Amino acid sequence: MARSKSGPKEYLFVDGYNIINAWDQLIEKRKASLEEAREALLEILAEYYHLTGIEIVVVFDAHLVKGNSGQEYEYKGIRVVFTKENETADNYIERTLDALGKIKKIRVATSDFLEQQIVLSRGGTRISARELEMEILNARQRMKQKKEAINVKNDLFLTRLDEALLEKLVKWKKTKE
């Protein structure tokens, strides 16, 4: 359904800090540096975007930063949002969900139960941090299997090519004798 020219786009909104605080690999990075954990999450989600084509919006709370007017930018195909002062990631996601309406397929990745209920009431679908992590692992596995299948086909093609070349060489050798 993602990236389909005829069908509706699929959107995935990710509550960035909620995911960072839920995934073991990101919790470890956060202990060293919050910036490093954010960058790792963005790398993972950018890869997922390229594997699936799902439009991804990652939202980070910056509501406690005084004078902050918010920031949005693109990172390797995904949209990254830092909320403005007094706006939480939940507020941003809810407002955007209302603006997109029910004509789009929208999922929200968060393990915040209250936010999940709000998302459901506004026509979106919720996905927990753990479910998102499993989806990403499954997408990677599917891609690995596709690559392996392509490699097998390439190996078979090369084997056939080598046999054909060998036959030509045998014929050429016989003509020279």
Protein backbone atom coordinates (compact mmCIF):
# COMPACT_ATOMS: atom_id res chain seq x y z
CA MET A 1 0.00 0.00 0.00
CA ALA A 2 2.91 2.35 0.64
CA ARG A 3 4.17 4.38 -2.30
CA SER A 4 1.30 3.19 -4.41
CA LYS A 5 0.39 5.72 -7.08
CA SER A 6 -3.26 4.72 -7.09
CA GLY A 7 -3.91 4.01 -3.40
CA PRO A 8 -3.65 6.23 -0.36
CA LYS A 9 -0.30 6.76 1.27
CA GLU A 10 0.46 5.19 4.57
CA TYR A 11 1.83 7.42 7.31
CA LEU A 12 3.69 6.40 10.41
CA PHE A 13 4.08 8.97 13.18
CA VAL A 14 6.73 8.07 15.73
CA ASP A 15 6.92 9.57 19.20
CA GLY A 16 10.71 9.78 19.18
CA TYR A 17 11.55 9.96 22.86
CA ASN A 18 8.95 7.33 23.70
CA ILE A 19 10.68 4.90 21.33
CA ILE A 20 14.16 5.86 22.56
CA ASN A 21 13.04 5.07 26.12
CA ALA A 22 11.54 1.72 25.06
CA TRP A 23 14.15 0.06 22.84
CA ASP A 24 17.11 -1.51 24.66
CA GLN A 25 19.63 -0.56 21.97
CA LEU A 26 18.55 3.08 22.16
CA ILE A 27 18.39 3.17 25.96
CA GLU A 28 22.07 2.19 25.99
CA LYS A 29 22.94 4.95 23.50
CA ARG A 30 20.85 7.48 25.46
CA LYS A 31 22.95 6.78 28.54
CA ALA A 32 25.99 7.99 26.62
CA SER A 33 24.28 10.78 24.67
CA LEU A 34 20.70 11.73 23.88
CA GLU A 35 21.90 13.11 20.54
CA GLU A 36 23.47 9.73 19.69
CA ALA A 37 20.22 7.94 20.57
CA ARG A 38 18.20 10.33 18.36
CA GLU A 39 20.60 9.83 15.45
CA ALA A 40 20.46 6.04 15.85
CA LEU A 41 16.65 6.12 15.84
CA LEU A 42 16.61 8.30 12.73
CA GLU A 43 19.01 5.91 10.95
CA ILE A 44 16.81 2.92 11.81
CA LEU A 45 13.65 4.68 10.66
CA ALA A 46 15.28 5.98 7.46
CA GLU A 47 16.26 2.41 6.59
CA TYR A 48 12.70 1.27 7.35
CA TYR A 49 11.34 4.03 5.10
CA HIS A 50 13.53 2.86 2.25
CA LEU A 51 12.51 -0.77 2.79
CA THR A 52 8.77 -0.07 2.95
CA GLY A 53 8.01 3.30 1.38
CA ILE A 54 5.86 4.27 4.37
CA GLU A 55 5.89 8.04 4.96
CA ILE A 56 7.50 8.49 8.37
CA VAL A 57 7.27 11.50 10.66
CA VAL A 58 9.38 11.38 13.82
CA VAL A 59 8.29 13.84 16.50
CA PHE A 60 10.51 14.87 19.42
CA ASP A 61 9.24 16.87 22.39
CA ALA A 62 10.91 20.24 22.72
CA HIS A 63 8.03 21.84 24.63
CA LEU A 64 10.16 22.74 27.66
CA VAL A 65 12.73 24.70 25.63
CA LYS A 66 12.04 28.38 26.33
CA GLY A 67 11.50 30.52 23.23
CA ASN A 68 11.58 27.47 20.97
CA SER A 69 9.58 27.99 17.78
CA GLY A 70 9.90 24.37 16.65
CA GLN A 71 11.89 22.86 13.84
CA GLU A 72 11.14 20.54 10.92
CA TYR A 73 13.55 19.00 8.43
CA GLU A 74 14.00 15.98 6.21
CA TYR A 75 16.49 13.27 7.10
CA LYS A 76 17.13 10.58 4.46
CA GLY A 77 13.52 10.59 3.33
CA ILE A 78 11.80 10.90 6.70
CA ARG A 79 10.41 14.06 8.27
CA VAL A 80 11.80 15.04 11.66
CA VAL A 81 9.89 17.44 13.90
CA PHE A 82 10.97 19.12 17.12
CA THR A 83 7.86 20.62 18.69
CA LYS A 84 7.65 24.24 19.70
CA GLU A 85 7.53 25.58 23.24
CA ASN A 86 4.46 24.33 25.15
CA GLU A 87 3.65 21.72 22.48
CA THR A 88 4.25 18.06 23.25
CA ALA A 89 4.83 15.35 20.67
CA ASP A 90 1.37 14.05 21.54
CA ASN A 91 -0.19 17.47 20.81
CA TYR A 92 1.61 17.70 17.46
CA ILE A 93 0.60 14.17 16.43
CA GLU A 94 -3.04 14.71 17.45
CA ARG A 95 -3.25 18.03 15.55
CA THR A 96 -1.68 16.52 12.44
CA LEU A 97 -3.91 13.45 12.66
CA ASP A 98 -6.95 15.74 12.70
CA ALA A 99 -5.61 17.70 9.69
CA LEU A 100 -4.93 14.59 7.60
CA GLY A 101 -8.36 13.19 8.36
CA LYS A 102 -9.59 9.66 7.93
CA ILE A 103 -8.85 9.37 4.21
CA LYS A 104 -5.23 8.43 4.87
CA LYS A 105 -3.91 5.31 6.57
CA ILE A 106 -2.19 6.67 9.67
CA ARG A 107 -0.41 4.71 12.37
CA VAL A 108 1.18 6.14 15.46
CA ALA A 109 4.06 4.41 17.23
CA THR A 110 3.98 5.06 20.95
CA SER A 111 3.72 3.00 24.09
CA ASP A 112 1.86 5.82 25.87
CA PHE A 113 -1.54 4.21 26.58
CA LEU A 114 -3.45 7.50 26.78
CA GLU A 115 -2.00 8.65 23.46
CA GLN A 116 -2.91 5.30 21.90
CA GLN A 117 -6.55 5.80 22.95
CA ILE A 118 -6.62 9.33 21.50
CA VAL A 119 -5.13 8.09 18.22
CA LEU A 120 -7.77 5.37 17.97
CA SER A 121 -10.59 7.85 18.67
CA ARG A 122 -9.34 10.09 15.85
CA GLY A 123 -9.26 7.39 13.18
CA GLY A 124 -5.63 6.34 13.40
CA THR A 125 -4.11 3.03 14.32
CA ARG A 126 -1.75 2.61 17.22
CA ILE A 127 1.38 0.53 17.27
CA SER A 128 3.49 -0.03 20.37
CA ALA A 129 7.24 0.55 20.50
CA ARG A 130 7.80 -3.21 20.66
CA GLU A 131 5.52 -3.86 17.67
CA LEU A 132 7.37 -1.25 15.63
CA GLU A 133 10.70 -2.80 16.56
CA MET A 134 9.42 -6.21 15.38
CA GLU A 135 8.07 -4.73 12.13
CA ILE A 136 11.47 -3.22 11.38
CA LEU A 137 13.26 -6.50 12.14
CA ASN A 138 10.80 -8.37 9.90
CA ALA A 139 11.28 -5.86 7.05
CA ARG A 140 15.06 -6.31 7.32
CA GLN A 141 14.64 -10.09 7.28
CA ARG A 142 12.42 -9.95 4.18
CA MET A 143 14.99 -7.78 2.41
CA LYS A 144 17.78 -10.17 3.39
CA GLN A 145 15.78 -13.09 1.98
CA LYS A 146 15.15 -11.20 -1.27
CA LYS A 147 18.87 -10.44 -1.60
CA GLU A 148 19.72 -14.09 -0.98
CA ALA A 149 17.21 -15.20 -3.63
CA ILE A 150 18.70 -12.74 -6.11
CA ASN A 151 22.20 -13.99 -5.30
CA VAL A 152 21.10 -17.59 -5.93
CA LYS A 153 19.63 -16.59 -9.30
CA ASN A 154 22.82 -14.71 -10.16
CA ASP A 155 24.94 -17.71 -9.16
CA LEU A 156 22.82 -19.98 -11.35
CA PHE A 157 23.15 -17.55 -14.25
CA LEU A 158 26.91 -17.36 -13.81
CA THR A 159 27.13 -21.15 -13.62
CA ARG A 160 25.20 -21.43 -16.88
CA LEU A 161 27.34 -18.76 -18.45
CA ASP A 162 30.47 -20.63 -17.44
CA GLU A 163 29.13 -23.89 -18.95
CA ALA A 164 28.27 -22.16 -22.23
CA LEU A 165 31.66 -20.56 -22.36
CA LEU A 166 33.28 -23.90 -21.62
CA GLU A 167 31.39 -25.53 -24.52
CA LYS A 168 32.50 -22.80 -26.89
CA LEU A 169 36.08 -23.23 -25.79
CA VAL A 170 35.90 -27.00 -26.31
CA LYS A 171 34.52 -26.47 -29.84
CA TRP A 172 37.13 -23.84 -30.61
CA LYS A 173 39.88 -26.16 -29.38
CA LYS A 174 38.64 -29.00 -31.62
CA THR A 175 38.73 -26.72 -34.68
CA LYS A 176 42.34 -25.79 -33.92
CA GLU A 177 43.54 -29.41 -33.62
